Amino acid sequence: SLGIIYFHQGSARKKGIYFEKALTYLGFVPVRCHEKYNLRKRS
């Protein structure tokens, strides 16, 4: 959810700091998670 929020904020405000925050939170999502989360994370 935080990855989604910061991604959209970065897209709307054109600031890279938001994308970095999004990547940070997505990095906490396990690599071998359920596909319903894996698809969202990868996309």
PDB file of all heavy atoms in Angstrom:
ATOM      1  N   SER A   1       0.840  -1.211   0.000  1.00  0.00           N
ATOM      2  CA  SER A   1       0.000   0.000   0.000  1.00  0.00           C
ATOM      3  C   SER A   1       0.870   1.255   0.000  1.00  0.00           C
ATOM      4  O   SER A   1       0.611   2.210  -0.755  1.00  0.00           O
ATOM      5  CB  SER A   1      -0.923   0.016   1.222  1.00  0.00           C
ATOM      6  OG  SER A   1      -1.846  -1.040   1.182  1.00  0.00           O
ATOM      7  N   LEU A   2       1.918   1.273   0.823  1.00  0.00           N
ATOM      8  CA  LEU A   2       2.822   2.422   0.856  1.00  0.00           C
ATOM      9  C   LEU A   2       3.579   2.557  -0.458  1.00  0.00           C
ATOM     10  O   LEU A   2       3.834   3.672  -0.935  1.00  0.00           O
ATOM     11  CB  LEU A   2       3.797   2.278   2.025  1.00  0.00           C
ATOM     12  CG  LEU A   2       3.173   2.480   3.416  1.00  0.00           C
ATOM     13  CD1 LEU A   2       4.128   2.011   4.514  1.00  0.00           C
ATOM     14  CD2 LEU A   2       2.816   3.948   3.620  1.00  0.00           C
ATOM     15  N   GLY A   3       3.927   1.421  -1.066  1.00  0.00           N
ATOM     16  CA  GLY A   3       4.560   1.461  -2.380  1.00  0.00           C
ATOM     17  C   GLY A   3       3.640   2.097  -3.410  1.00  0.00           C
ATOM     18  O   GLY A   3       4.076   2.927  -4.231  1.00  0.00           O
ATOM     19  N   ILE A   4       2.362   1.736  -3.369  1.00  0.00           N
ATOM     20  CA  ILE A   4       1.368   2.306  -4.295  1.00  0.00           C
ATOM     21  C   ILE A   4       1.224   3.805  -4.060  1.00  0.00           C
ATOM     22  O   ILE A   4       1.209   4.605  -5.006  1.00  0.00           O
ATOM     23  CB  ILE A   4       0.011   1.596  -4.110  1.00  0.00           C
ATOM     24  CG1 ILE A   4       0.103   0.142  -4.579  1.00  0.00           C
ATOM     25  CG2 ILE A   4      -1.091   2.327  -4.867  1.00  0.00           C
ATOM     26  CD1 ILE A   4      -1.097  -0.704  -4.196  1.00  0.00           C
ATOM     27  N   ILE A   5       1.109   4.199  -2.801  1.00  0.00           N
ATOM     28  CA  ILE A   5       0.897   5.610  -2.464  1.00  0.00           C
ATOM     29  C   ILE A   5       2.073   6.462  -2.925  1.00  0.00           C
ATOM     30  O   ILE A   5       1.901   7.502  -3.588  1.00  0.00           O
ATOM     31  CB  ILE A   5       0.668   5.761  -0.948  1.00  0.00           C
ATOM     32  CG1 ILE A   5      -0.718   5.211  -0.570  1.00  0.00           C
ATOM     33  CG2 ILE A   5       0.801   7.223  -0.513  1.00  0.00           C
ATOM     34  CD1 ILE A   5      -0.977   5.146   0.923  1.00  0.00           C
ATOM     35  N   TYR A   6       3.304   6.032  -2.613  1.00  0.00           N
ATOM     36  CA  TYR A   6       4.470   6.837  -2.989  1.00  0.00           C
ATOM     37  C   TYR A   6       4.718   6.823  -4.493  1.00  0.00           C
ATOM     38  O   TYR A   6       5.196   7.816  -5.065  1.00  0.00           O
ATOM     39  CB  TYR A   6       5.705   6.350  -2.230  1.00  0.00           C
ATOM     40  CG  TYR A   6       5.727   6.823  -0.801  1.00  0.00           C
ATOM     41  CD1 TYR A   6       5.697   5.923   0.258  1.00  0.00           C
ATOM     42  CD2 TYR A   6       5.763   8.192  -0.509  1.00  0.00           C
ATOM     43  CE1 TYR A   6       5.701   6.363   1.575  1.00  0.00           C
ATOM     44  CE2 TYR A   6       5.769   8.639   0.806  1.00  0.00           C
ATOM     45  CZ  TYR A   6       5.737   7.717   1.843  1.00  0.00           C
ATOM     46  OH  TYR A   6       5.735   8.178   3.136  1.00  0.00           O
ATOM     47  N   PHE A   7       4.375   5.720  -5.164  1.00  0.00           N
ATOM     48  CA  PHE A   7       4.515   5.691  -6.625  1.00  0.00           C
ATOM     49  C   PHE A   7       3.608   6.736  -7.263  1.00  0.00           C
ATOM     50  O   PHE A   7       4.038   7.506  -8.137  1.00  0.00           O
ATOM     51  CB  PHE A   7       4.180   4.306  -7.171  1.00  0.00           C
ATOM     52  CG  PHE A   7       3.912   4.302  -8.654  1.00  0.00           C
ATOM     53  CD1 PHE A   7       4.943   4.480  -9.564  1.00  0.00           C
ATOM     54  CD2 PHE A   7       2.614   4.150  -9.143  1.00  0.00           C
ATOM     55  CE1 PHE A   7       4.700   4.497 -10.933  1.00  0.00           C
ATOM     56  CE2 PHE A   7       2.361   4.168 -10.501  1.00  0.00           C
ATOM     57  CZ  PHE A   7       3.402   4.345 -11.403  1.00  0.00           C
ATOM     58  N   HIS A   8       2.351   6.781  -6.846  1.00  0.00           N
ATOM     59  CA  HIS A   8       1.404   7.734  -7.442  1.00  0.00           C
ATOM     60  C   HIS A   8       1.754   9.171  -7.069  1.00  0.00           C
ATOM     61  O   HIS A   8       1.565  10.088  -7.882  1.00  0.00           O
ATOM     62  CB  HIS A   8      -0.017   7.391  -7.012  1.00  0.00           C
ATOM     63  CG  HIS A   8      -0.607   6.235  -7.762  1.00  0.00           C
ATOM     64  ND1 HIS A   8      -1.154   6.367  -9.021  1.00  0.00           N
ATOM     65  CD2 HIS A   8      -0.711   4.920  -7.441  1.00  0.00           C
ATOM     66  CE1 HIS A   8      -1.586   5.184  -9.438  1.00  0.00           C
ATOM     67  NE2 HIS A   8      -1.331   4.289  -8.503  1.00  0.00           N
ATOM     68  N   GLN A   9       2.269   9.383  -5.875  1.00  0.00           N
ATOM     69  CA  GLN A   9       2.704  10.724  -5.503  1.00  0.00           C
ATOM     70  C   GLN A   9       3.896  11.162  -6.355  1.00  0.00           C
ATOM     71  O   GLN A   9       3.969  12.323  -6.789  1.00  0.00           O
ATOM     72  CB  GLN A   9       3.079  10.772  -4.022  1.00  0.00           C
ATOM     73  CG  GLN A   9       1.859  10.748  -3.091  1.00  0.00           C
ATOM     74  CD  GLN A   9       2.246  10.875  -1.633  1.00  0.00           C
ATOM     75  OE1 GLN A   9       3.204  10.256  -1.187  1.00  0.00           O
ATOM     76  NE2 GLN A   9       1.491  11.666  -0.887  1.00  0.00           N
ATOM     77  N   GLY A  10       4.811  10.241  -6.619  1.00  0.00           N
ATOM     78  CA  GLY A  10       5.953  10.557  -7.471  1.00  0.00           C
ATOM     79  C   GLY A  10       5.520  10.883  -8.889  1.00  0.00           C
ATOM     80  O   GLY A  10       6.041  11.816  -9.514  1.00  0.00           O
ATOM     81  N   SER A  11       4.563  10.122  -9.407  1.00  0.00           N
ATOM     82  CA  SER A  11       4.066  10.362 -10.763  1.00  0.00           C
ATOM     83  C   SER A  11       3.361  11.702 -10.872  1.00  0.00           C
ATOM     84  O   SER A  11       3.489  12.413 -11.874  1.00  0.00           O
ATOM     85  CB  SER A  11       3.108   9.234 -11.169  1.00  0.00           C
ATOM     86  OG  SER A  11       3.776   7.993 -11.203  1.00  0.00           O
ATOM     87  N   ALA A  12       2.594  12.042  -9.822  1.00  0.00           N
ATOM     88  CA  ALA A  12       1.829  13.283  -9.850  1.00  0.00           C
ATOM     89  C   ALA A  12       2.712  14.513  -9.642  1.00  0.00           C
ATOM     90  O   ALA A  12       2.497  15.558 -10.258  1.00  0.00           O
ATOM     91  CB  ALA A  12       0.728  13.240  -8.790  1.00  0.00           C
ATOM     92  N   ARG A  13       3.725  14.392  -8.789  1.00  0.00           N
ATOM     93  CA  ARG A  13       4.546  15.553  -8.421  1.00  0.00           C
ATOM     94  C   ARG A  13       5.905  15.585  -9.106  1.00  0.00           C
ATOM     95  O   ARG A  13       6.684  16.520  -8.911  1.00  0.00           O
ATOM     96  CB  ARG A  13       4.714  15.596  -6.908  1.00  0.00           C
ATOM     97  CG  ARG A  13       3.372  15.749  -6.195  1.00  0.00           C
ATOM     98  CD  ARG A  13       3.479  15.549  -4.693  1.00  0.00           C
ATOM     99  NE  ARG A  13       2.152  15.642  -4.074  1.00  0.00           N
ATOM    100  CZ  ARG A  13       1.892  15.388  -2.801  1.00  0.00           C
ATOM    101  NH1 ARG A  13       2.881  15.005  -2.000  1.00  0.00           N
ATOM    102  NH2 ARG A  13       0.668  15.500  -2.325  1.00  0.00           N
ATOM    103  N   LYS A  14       6.213  14.528  -9.868  1.00  0.00           N
ATOM    104  CA  LYS A  14       7.461  14.459 -10.629  1.00  0.00           C
ATOM    105  C   LYS A  14       8.680  14.634  -9.730  1.00  0.00           C
ATOM    106  O   LYS A  14       9.610  15.380 -10.044  1.00  0.00           O
ATOM    107  CB  LYS A  14       7.472  15.515 -11.745  1.00  0.00           C
ATOM    108  CG  LYS A  14       6.291  15.449 -12.691  1.00  0.00           C
ATOM    109  CD  LYS A  14       6.192  14.102 -13.373  1.00  0.00           C
ATOM    110  CE  LYS A  14       4.979  14.028 -14.304  1.00  0.00           C
ATOM    111  NZ  LYS A  14       4.795  12.678 -14.862  1.00  0.00           N
ATOM    112  N   LYS A  15       8.664  13.931  -8.598  1.00  0.00           N
ATOM    113  CA  LYS A  15       9.791  13.998  -7.666  1.00  0.00           C
ATOM    114  C   LYS A  15      10.314  12.599  -7.384  1.00  0.00           C
ATOM    115  O   LYS A  15       9.573  11.720  -6.944  1.00  0.00           O
ATOM    116  CB  LYS A  15       9.372  14.674  -6.360  1.00  0.00           C
ATOM    117  CG  LYS A  15       9.078  16.168  -6.500  1.00  0.00           C
ATOM    118  CD  LYS A  15       8.790  16.798  -5.145  1.00  0.00           C
ATOM    119  CE  LYS A  15       8.551  18.305  -5.283  1.00  0.00           C
ATOM    120  NZ  LYS A  15       8.274  18.928  -3.967  1.00  0.00           N
ATOM    121  N   GLY A  16      11.616  12.413  -7.641  1.00  0.00           N
ATOM    122  CA  GLY A  16      12.224  11.094  -7.504  1.00  0.00           C
ATOM    123  C   GLY A  16      12.239  10.563  -6.090  1.00  0.00           C
ATOM    124  O   GLY A  16      12.289   9.344  -5.883  1.00  0.00           O
ATOM    125  N   ILE A  17      12.177  11.466  -5.085  1.00  0.00           N
ATOM    126  CA  ILE A  17      12.227  11.013  -3.698  1.00  0.00           C
ATOM    127  C   ILE A  17      11.068  10.079  -3.371  1.00  0.00           C
ATOM    128  O   ILE A  17      11.201   9.143  -2.579  1.00  0.00           O
ATOM    129  CB  ILE A  17      12.211  12.235  -2.731  1.00  0.00           C
ATOM    130  CG1 ILE A  17      12.372  11.775  -1.284  1.00  0.00           C
ATOM    131  CG2 ILE A  17      10.941  13.058  -2.909  1.00  0.00           C
ATOM    132  CD1 ILE A  17      13.689  11.157  -0.976  1.00  0.00           C
ATOM    133  N   TYR A  18       9.933  10.314  -3.999  1.00  0.00           N
ATOM    134  CA  TYR A  18       8.764   9.444  -3.758  1.00  0.00           C
ATOM    135  C   TYR A  18       8.982   8.057  -4.354  1.00  0.00           C
ATOM    136  O   TYR A  18       8.582   7.049  -3.763  1.00  0.00           O
ATOM    137  CB  TYR A  18       7.501  10.081  -4.357  1.00  0.00           C
ATOM    138  CG  TYR A  18       7.057  11.323  -3.634  1.00  0.00           C
ATOM    139  CD1 TYR A  18       7.165  12.575  -4.231  1.00  0.00           C
ATOM    140  CD2 TYR A  18       6.525  11.264  -2.347  1.00  0.00           C
ATOM    141  CE1 TYR A  18       6.765  13.729  -3.580  1.00  0.00           C
ATOM    142  CE2 TYR A  18       6.106  12.409  -1.682  1.00  0.00           C
ATOM    143  CZ  TYR A  18       6.242  13.640  -2.302  1.00  0.00           C
ATOM    144  OH  TYR A  18       5.834  14.784  -1.644  1.00  0.00           O
ATOM    145  N   PHE A  19       9.610   7.989  -5.529  1.00  0.00           N
ATOM    146  CA  PHE A  19       9.891   6.690  -6.129  1.00  0.00           C
ATOM    147  C   PHE A  19      10.888   5.902  -5.275  1.00  0.00           C
ATOM    148  O   PHE A  19      10.773   4.681  -5.137  1.00  0.00           O
ATOM    149  CB  PHE A  19      10.446   6.862  -7.547  1.00  0.00           C
ATOM    150  CG  PHE A  19       9.470   7.482  -8.506  1.00  0.00           C
ATOM    151  CD1 PHE A  19       9.820   8.588  -9.262  1.00  0.00           C
ATOM    152  CD2 PHE A  19       8.196   6.966  -8.652  1.00  0.00           C
ATOM    153  CE1 PHE A  19       8.933   9.162 -10.150  1.00  0.00           C
ATOM    154  CE2 PHE A  19       7.284   7.535  -9.540  1.00  0.00           C
ATOM    155  CZ  PHE A  19       7.651   8.642 -10.290  1.00  0.00           C
ATOM    156  N   GLU A  20      11.856   6.611  -4.695  1.00  0.00           N
ATOM    157  CA  GLU A  20      12.823   5.946  -3.813  1.00  0.00           C
ATOM    158  C   GLU A  20      12.110   5.364  -2.588  1.00  0.00           C
ATOM    159  O   GLU A  20      12.426   4.248  -2.147  1.00  0.00           O
ATOM    160  CB  GLU A  20      13.898   6.947  -3.369  1.00  0.00           C
ATOM    161  CG  GLU A  20      14.834   7.399  -4.483  1.00  0.00           C
ATOM    162  CD  GLU A  20      15.666   6.252  -5.035  1.00  0.00           C
ATOM    163  OE1 GLU A  20      15.879   5.254  -4.308  1.00  0.00           O
ATOM    164  OE2 GLU A  20      16.113   6.362  -6.196  1.00  0.00           O
ATOM    165  N   LYS A  21      11.165   6.109  -2.032  1.00  0.00           N
ATOM    166  CA  LYS A  21      10.412   5.605  -0.885  1.00  0.00           C
ATOM    167  C   LYS A  21       9.569   4.395  -1.281  1.00  0.00           C
ATOM    168  O   LYS A  21       9.470   3.419  -0.522  1.00  0.00           O
ATOM    169  CB  LYS A  21       9.499   6.705  -0.330  1.00  0.00           C
ATOM    170  CG  LYS A  21      10.246   7.816   0.411  1.00  0.00           C
ATOM    171  CD  LYS A  21       9.272   8.824   1.000  1.00  0.00           C
ATOM    172  CE  LYS A  21      10.006   9.886   1.809  1.00  0.00           C
ATOM    173  NZ  LYS A  21       9.068  10.874   2.405  1.00  0.00           N
ATOM    174  N   ALA A  22       8.969   4.464  -2.474  1.00  0.00           N
ATOM    175  CA  ALA A  22       8.174   3.332  -2.953  1.00  0.00           C
ATOM    176  C   ALA A  22       9.036   2.083  -3.075  1.00  0.00           C
ATOM    177  O   ALA A  22       8.640   0.986  -2.649  1.00  0.00           O
ATOM    178  CB  ALA A  22       7.535   3.670  -4.298  1.00  0.00           C
ATOM    179  N   LEU A  23      10.235   2.234  -3.636  1.00  0.00           N
ATOM    180  CA  LEU A  23      11.147   1.100  -3.786  1.00  0.00           C
ATOM    181  C   LEU A  23      11.572   0.545  -2.428  1.00  0.00           C
ATOM    182  O   LEU A  23      11.732  -0.672  -2.260  1.00  0.00           O
ATOM    183  CB  LEU A  23      12.383   1.518  -4.578  1.00  0.00           C
ATOM    184  CG  LEU A  23      12.180   1.748  -6.080  1.00  0.00           C
ATOM    185  CD1 LEU A  23      13.456   2.299  -6.708  1.00  0.00           C
ATOM    186  CD2 LEU A  23      11.764   0.455  -6.771  1.00  0.00           C
ATOM    187  N   THR A  24      11.756   1.426  -1.467  1.00  0.00           N
ATOM    188  CA  THR A  24      12.153   0.989  -0.125  1.00  0.00           C
ATOM    189  C   THR A  24      11.101   0.076   0.479  1.00  0.00           C
ATOM    190  O   THR A  24      11.407  -1.015   0.984  1.00  0.00           O
ATOM    191  CB  THR A  24      12.372   2.199   0.798  1.00  0.00           C
ATOM    192  OG1 THR A  24      13.440   2.994   0.278  1.00  0.00           O
ATOM    193  CG2 THR A  24      12.725   1.743   2.214  1.00  0.00           C
ATOM    194  N   TYR A  25       9.842   0.483   0.409  1.00  0.00           N
ATOM    195  CA  TYR A  25       8.768  -0.333   0.995  1.00  0.00           C
ATOM    196  C   TYR A  25       8.537  -1.611   0.206  1.00  0.00           C
ATOM    197  O   TYR A  25       8.277  -2.671   0.786  1.00  0.00           O
ATOM    198  CB  TYR A  25       7.477   0.488   1.098  1.00  0.00           C
ATOM    199  CG  TYR A  25       7.520   1.483   2.231  1.00  0.00           C
ATOM    200  CD1 TYR A  25       7.587   2.849   1.985  1.00  0.00           C
ATOM    201  CD2 TYR A  25       7.495   1.048   3.560  1.00  0.00           C
ATOM    202  CE1 TYR A  25       7.634   3.768   3.034  1.00  0.00           C
ATOM    203  CE2 TYR A  25       7.551   1.956   4.611  1.00  0.00           C
ATOM    204  CZ  TYR A  25       7.619   3.311   4.333  1.00  0.00           C
ATOM    205  OH  TYR A  25       7.685   4.194   5.375  1.00  0.00           O
ATOM    206  N   LEU A  26       8.634  -1.548  -1.117  1.00  0.00           N
ATOM    207  CA  LEU A  26       8.467  -2.756  -1.925  1.00  0.00           C
ATOM    208  C   LEU A  26       9.614  -3.739  -1.670  1.00  0.00           C
ATOM    209  O   LEU A  26       9.434  -4.952  -1.808  1.00  0.00           O
ATOM    210  CB  LEU A  26       8.411  -2.406  -3.412  1.00  0.00           C
ATOM    211  CG  LEU A  26       7.153  -1.642  -3.872  1.00  0.00           C
ATOM    212  CD1 LEU A  26       7.263  -1.272  -5.341  1.00  0.00           C
ATOM    213  CD2 LEU A  26       5.893  -2.457  -3.623  1.00  0.00           C
ATOM    214  N   GLY A  27      10.758  -3.214  -1.271  1.00  0.00           N
ATOM    215  CA  GLY A  27      11.889  -4.078  -0.951  1.00  0.00           C
ATOM    216  C   GLY A  27      11.640  -4.943   0.273  1.00  0.00           C
ATOM    217  O   GLY A  27      12.295  -5.978   0.452  1.00  0.00           O
ATOM    218  N   PHE A  28      10.720  -4.533   1.129  1.00  0.00           N
ATOM    219  CA  PHE A  28      10.379  -5.315   2.309  1.00  0.00           C
ATOM    220  C   PHE A  28       9.419  -6.472   1.991  1.00  0.00           C
ATOM    221  O   PHE A  28       9.194  -7.340   2.828  1.00  0.00           O
ATOM    222  CB  PHE A  28       9.732  -4.422   3.374  1.00  0.00           C
ATOM    223  CG  PHE A  28      10.642  -3.352   3.915  1.00  0.00           C
ATOM    224  CD1 PHE A  28      10.173  -2.077   4.175  1.00  0.00           C
ATOM    225  CD2 PHE A  28      11.978  -3.631   4.157  1.00  0.00           C
ATOM    226  CE1 PHE A  28      11.017  -1.091   4.679  1.00  0.00           C
ATOM    227  CE2 PHE A  28      12.828  -2.650   4.665  1.00  0.00           C
ATOM    228  CZ  PHE A  28      12.348  -1.378   4.923  1.00  0.00           C
ATOM    229  N   VAL A  29       8.842  -6.457   0.782  1.00  0.00           N
ATOM    230  CA  VAL A  29       7.914  -7.515   0.371  1.00  0.00           C
ATOM    231  C   VAL A  29       8.723  -8.743  -0.014  1.00  0.00           C
ATOM    232  O   VAL A  29       9.599  -8.663  -0.888  1.00  0.00           O
ATOM    233  CB  VAL A  29       7.040  -7.061  -0.810  1.00  0.00           C
ATOM    234  CG1 VAL A  29       6.110  -8.190  -1.250  1.00  0.00           C
ATOM    235  CG2 VAL A  29       6.236  -5.824  -0.434  1.00  0.00           C
ATOM    236  N   PRO A  30       8.499  -9.903   0.605  1.00  0.00           N
ATOM    237  CA  PRO A  30       9.288 -11.107   0.313  1.00  0.00           C
ATOM    238  C   PRO A  30       9.265 -11.481  -1.166  1.00  0.00           C
ATOM    239  O   PRO A  30       8.244 -11.310  -1.839  1.00  0.00           O
ATOM    240  CB  PRO A  30       8.607 -12.193   1.166  1.00  0.00           C
ATOM    241  CG  PRO A  30       7.894 -11.450   2.243  1.00  0.00           C
ATOM    242  CD  PRO A  30       7.468 -10.153   1.636  1.00  0.00           C
ATOM    243  N   VAL A  31      10.373 -11.978  -1.667  1.00  0.00           N
ATOM    244  CA  VAL A  31      10.472 -12.387  -3.068  1.00  0.00           C
ATOM    245  C   VAL A  31       9.502 -13.528  -3.368  1.00  0.00           C
ATOM    246  O   VAL A  31       8.843 -13.556  -4.403  1.00  0.00           O
ATOM    247  CB  VAL A  31      11.913 -12.821  -3.402  1.00  0.00           C
ATOM    248  CG1 VAL A  31      11.986 -13.353  -4.840  1.00  0.00           C
ATOM    249  CG2 VAL A  31      12.870 -11.653  -3.208  1.00  0.00           C
ATOM    250  N   ARG A  32       9.408 -14.468  -2.435  1.00  0.00           N
ATOM    251  CA  ARG A  32       8.543 -15.631  -2.639  1.00  0.00           C
ATOM    252  C   ARG A  32       7.202 -15.440  -1.912  1.00  0.00           C
ATOM    253  O   ARG A  32       6.819 -16.240  -1.064  1.00  0.00           O
ATOM    254  CB  ARG A  32       9.235 -16.898  -2.131  1.00  0.00           C
ATOM    255  CG  ARG A  32      10.514 -17.222  -2.866  1.00  0.00           C
ATOM    256  CD  ARG A  32      11.126 -18.525  -2.394  1.00  0.00           C
ATOM    257  NE  ARG A  32      12.368 -18.822  -3.073  1.00  0.00           N
ATOM    258  CZ  ARG A  32      12.452 -19.387  -4.266  1.00  0.00           C
ATOM    259  NH1 ARG A  32      11.347 -19.724  -4.900  1.00  0.00           N
ATOM    260  NH2 ARG A  32      13.626 -19.622  -4.830  1.00  0.00           N
ATOM    261  N   CYS A  33       6.517 -14.376  -2.254  1.00  0.00           N
ATOM    262  CA  CYS A  33       5.199 -14.135  -1.651  1.00  0.00           C
ATOM    263  C   CYS A  33       4.110 -14.683  -2.574  1.00  0.00           C
ATOM    264  O   CYS A  33       4.376 -15.125  -3.690  1.00  0.00           O
ATOM    265  CB  CYS A  33       4.981 -12.645  -1.401  1.00  0.00           C
ATOM    266  SG  CYS A  33       5.098 -11.618  -2.883  1.00  0.00           S
ATOM    267  N   HIS A  34       2.871 -14.644  -2.103  1.00  0.00           N
ATOM    268  CA  HIS A  34       1.733 -15.132  -2.893  1.00  0.00           C
ATOM    269  C   HIS A  34       1.626 -14.342  -4.191  1.00  0.00           C
ATOM    270  O   HIS A  34       1.955 -13.158  -4.236  1.00  0.00           O
ATOM    271  CB  HIS A  34       0.455 -14.992  -2.071  1.00  0.00           C
ATOM    272  CG  HIS A  34      -0.729 -15.699  -2.670  1.00  0.00           C
ATOM    273  ND1 HIS A  34      -1.449 -15.173  -3.717  1.00  0.00           N
ATOM    274  CD2 HIS A  34      -1.300 -16.890  -2.367  1.00  0.00           C
ATOM    275  CE1 HIS A  34      -2.428 -16.010  -4.040  1.00  0.00           C
ATOM    276  NE2 HIS A  34      -2.358 -17.050  -3.238  1.00  0.00           N
ATOM    277  N   GLU A  35       1.157 -14.997  -5.241  1.00  0.00           N
ATOM    278  CA  GLU A  35       1.130 -14.356  -6.557  1.00  0.00           C
ATOM    279  C   GLU A  35       0.258 -13.102  -6.585  1.00  0.00           C
ATOM    280  O   GLU A  35       0.508 -12.178  -7.375  1.00  0.00           O
ATOM    281  CB  GLU A  35       0.655 -15.333  -7.634  1.00  0.00           C
ATOM    282  CG  GLU A  35      -0.742 -15.855  -7.458  1.00  0.00           C
ATOM    283  CD  GLU A  35      -1.052 -16.979  -8.448  1.00  0.00           C
ATOM    284  OE1 GLU A  35      -0.120 -17.639  -8.922  1.00  0.00           O
ATOM    285  OE2 GLU A  35      -2.232 -17.188  -8.701  1.00  0.00           O
ATOM    286  N   LYS A  36      -0.773 -13.029  -5.715  1.00  0.00           N
ATOM    287  CA  LYS A  36      -1.615 -11.827  -5.712  1.00  0.00           C
ATOM    288  C   LYS A  36      -0.806 -10.604  -5.273  1.00  0.00           C
ATOM    289  O   LYS A  36      -1.140  -9.475  -5.639  1.00  0.00           O
ATOM    290  CB  LYS A  36      -2.832 -12.011  -4.805  1.00  0.00           C
ATOM    291  CG  LYS A  36      -2.526 -12.189  -3.336  1.00  0.00           C
ATOM    292  CD  LYS A  36      -3.792 -12.443  -2.549  1.00  0.00           C
ATOM    293  CE  LYS A  36      -3.494 -12.699  -1.067  1.00  0.00           C
ATOM    294  NZ  LYS A  36      -4.721 -13.033  -0.304  1.00  0.00           N
ATOM    295  N   TYR A  37       0.255 -10.825  -4.487  1.00  0.00           N
ATOM    296  CA  TYR A  37       1.148  -9.741  -4.096  1.00  0.00           C
ATOM    297  C   TYR A  37       2.322  -9.630  -5.064  1.00  0.00           C
ATOM    298  O   TYR A  37       2.794  -8.530  -5.356  1.00  0.00           O
ATOM    299  CB  TYR A  37       1.670  -9.972  -2.679  1.00  0.00           C
ATOM    300  CG  TYR A  37       0.576 -10.074  -1.639  1.00  0.00           C
ATOM    301  CD1 TYR A  37       0.496 -11.168  -0.785  1.00  0.00           C
ATOM    302  CD2 TYR A  37      -0.392  -9.086  -1.531  1.00  0.00           C
ATOM    303  CE1 TYR A  37      -0.518 -11.273   0.164  1.00  0.00           C
ATOM    304  CE2 TYR A  37      -1.406  -9.175  -0.589  1.00  0.00           C
ATOM    305  CZ  TYR A  37      -1.456 -10.274   0.260  1.00  0.00           C
ATOM    306  OH  TYR A  37      -2.466 -10.359   1.172  1.00  0.00           O
ATOM    307  N   ASN A  38       2.778 -10.757  -5.558  1.00  0.00           N
ATOM    308  CA  ASN A  38       3.911 -10.777  -6.474  1.00  0.00           C
ATOM    309  C   ASN A  38       3.615  -9.986  -7.743  1.00  0.00           C
ATOM    310  O   ASN A  38       4.450  -9.207  -8.228  1.00  0.00           O
ATOM    311  CB  ASN A  38       4.254 -12.226  -6.833  1.00  0.00           C
ATOM    312  CG  ASN A  38       5.747 -12.435  -6.992  1.00  0.00           C
ATOM    313  OD1 ASN A  38       6.432 -11.576  -7.525  1.00  0.00           O
ATOM    314  ND2 ASN A  38       6.249 -13.568  -6.524  1.00  0.00           N
ATOM    315  N   LEU A  39       2.414 -10.159  -8.292  1.00  0.00           N
ATOM    316  CA  LEU A  39       2.034  -9.454  -9.513  1.00  0.00           C
ATOM    317  C   LEU A  39       1.984  -7.948  -9.282  1.00  0.00           C
ATOM    318  O   LEU A  39       2.439  -7.158 -10.117  1.00  0.00           O
ATOM    319  CB  LEU A  39       0.682  -9.957 -10.010  1.00  0.00           C
ATOM    320  CG  LEU A  39       0.637 -11.394 -10.532  1.00  0.00           C
ATOM    321  CD1 LEU A  39      -0.793 -11.808 -10.834  1.00  0.00           C
ATOM    322  CD2 LEU A  39       1.501 -11.533 -11.790  1.00  0.00           C
ATOM    323  N   ARG A  40       1.432  -7.550  -8.148  1.00  0.00           N
ATOM    324  CA  ARG A  40       1.343  -6.112  -7.844  1.00  0.00           C
ATOM    325  C   ARG A  40       2.746  -5.516  -7.659  1.00  0.00           C
ATOM    326  O   ARG A  40       3.042  -4.429  -8.160  1.00  0.00           O
ATOM    327  CB  ARG A  40       0.510  -5.885  -6.580  1.00  0.00           C
ATOM    328  CG  ARG A  40      -0.981  -6.130  -6.750  1.00  0.00           C
ATOM    329  CD  ARG A  40      -1.708  -5.864  -5.450  1.00  0.00           C
ATOM    330  NE  ARG A  40      -3.111  -6.204  -5.511  1.00  0.00           N
ATOM    331  CZ  ARG A  40      -4.084  -5.378  -5.869  1.00  0.00           C
ATOM    332  NH1 ARG A  40      -3.793  -4.144  -6.210  1.00  0.00           N
ATOM    333  NH2 ARG A  40      -5.344  -5.767  -5.882  1.00  0.00           N
ATOM    334  N   LYS A  41       3.569  -6.233  -6.924  1.00  0.00           N
ATOM    335  CA  LYS A  41       4.925  -5.734  -6.662  1.00  0.00           C
ATOM    336  C   LYS A  41       5.712  -5.593  -7.960  1.00  0.00           C
ATOM    337  O   LYS A  41       6.332  -4.544  -8.219  1.00  0.00           O
ATOM    338  CB  LYS A  41       5.653  -6.692  -5.708  1.00  0.00           C
ATOM    339  CG  LYS A  41       7.113  -6.323  -5.479  1.00  0.00           C
ATOM    340  CD  LYS A  41       7.836  -7.362  -4.631  1.00  0.00           C
ATOM    341  CE  LYS A  41       9.321  -7.052  -4.509  1.00  0.00           C
ATOM    342  NZ  LYS A  41      10.040  -8.046  -3.687  1.00  0.00           N
ATOM    343  N   ARG A  42       5.698  -6.636  -8.785  1.00  0.00           N
ATOM    344  CA  ARG A  42       6.490  -6.620 -10.011  1.00  0.00           C
ATOM    345  C   ARG A  42       5.998  -5.548 -10.993  1.00  0.00           C
ATOM    346  O   ARG A  42       6.802  -4.859 -11.635  1.00  0.00           O
ATOM    347  CB  ARG A  42       6.457  -7.998 -10.676  1.00  0.00           C
ATOM    348  CG  ARG A  42       7.238  -9.064  -9.905  1.00  0.00           C
ATOM    349  CD  ARG A  42       7.063 -10.433 -10.555  1.00  0.00           C
ATOM    350  NE  ARG A  42       7.725 -11.480  -9.803  1.00  0.00           N
ATOM    351  CZ  ARG A  42       8.998 -11.846  -9.955  1.00  0.00           C
ATOM    352  NH1 ARG A  42       9.744 -11.222 -10.853  1.00  0.00           N
ATOM    353  NH2 ARG A  42       9.517 -12.823  -9.235  1.00  0.00           N
ATOM    354  N   SER A  43       4.686  -5.411 -11.128  1.00  0.00           N
ATOM    355  CA  SER A  43       4.161  -4.401 -12.057  1.00  0.00           C
ATOM    356  C   SER A  43       4.464  -2.989 -11.561  1.00  0.00           C
ATOM    357  O   SER A  43       4.715  -2.074 -12.364  1.00  0.00           O
ATOM    358  CB  SER A  43       2.655  -4.588 -12.244  1.00  0.00           C
ATOM    359  OG  SER A  43       1.972  -4.476 -11.008  1.00  0.00           O
TER     360      SER A  43
END
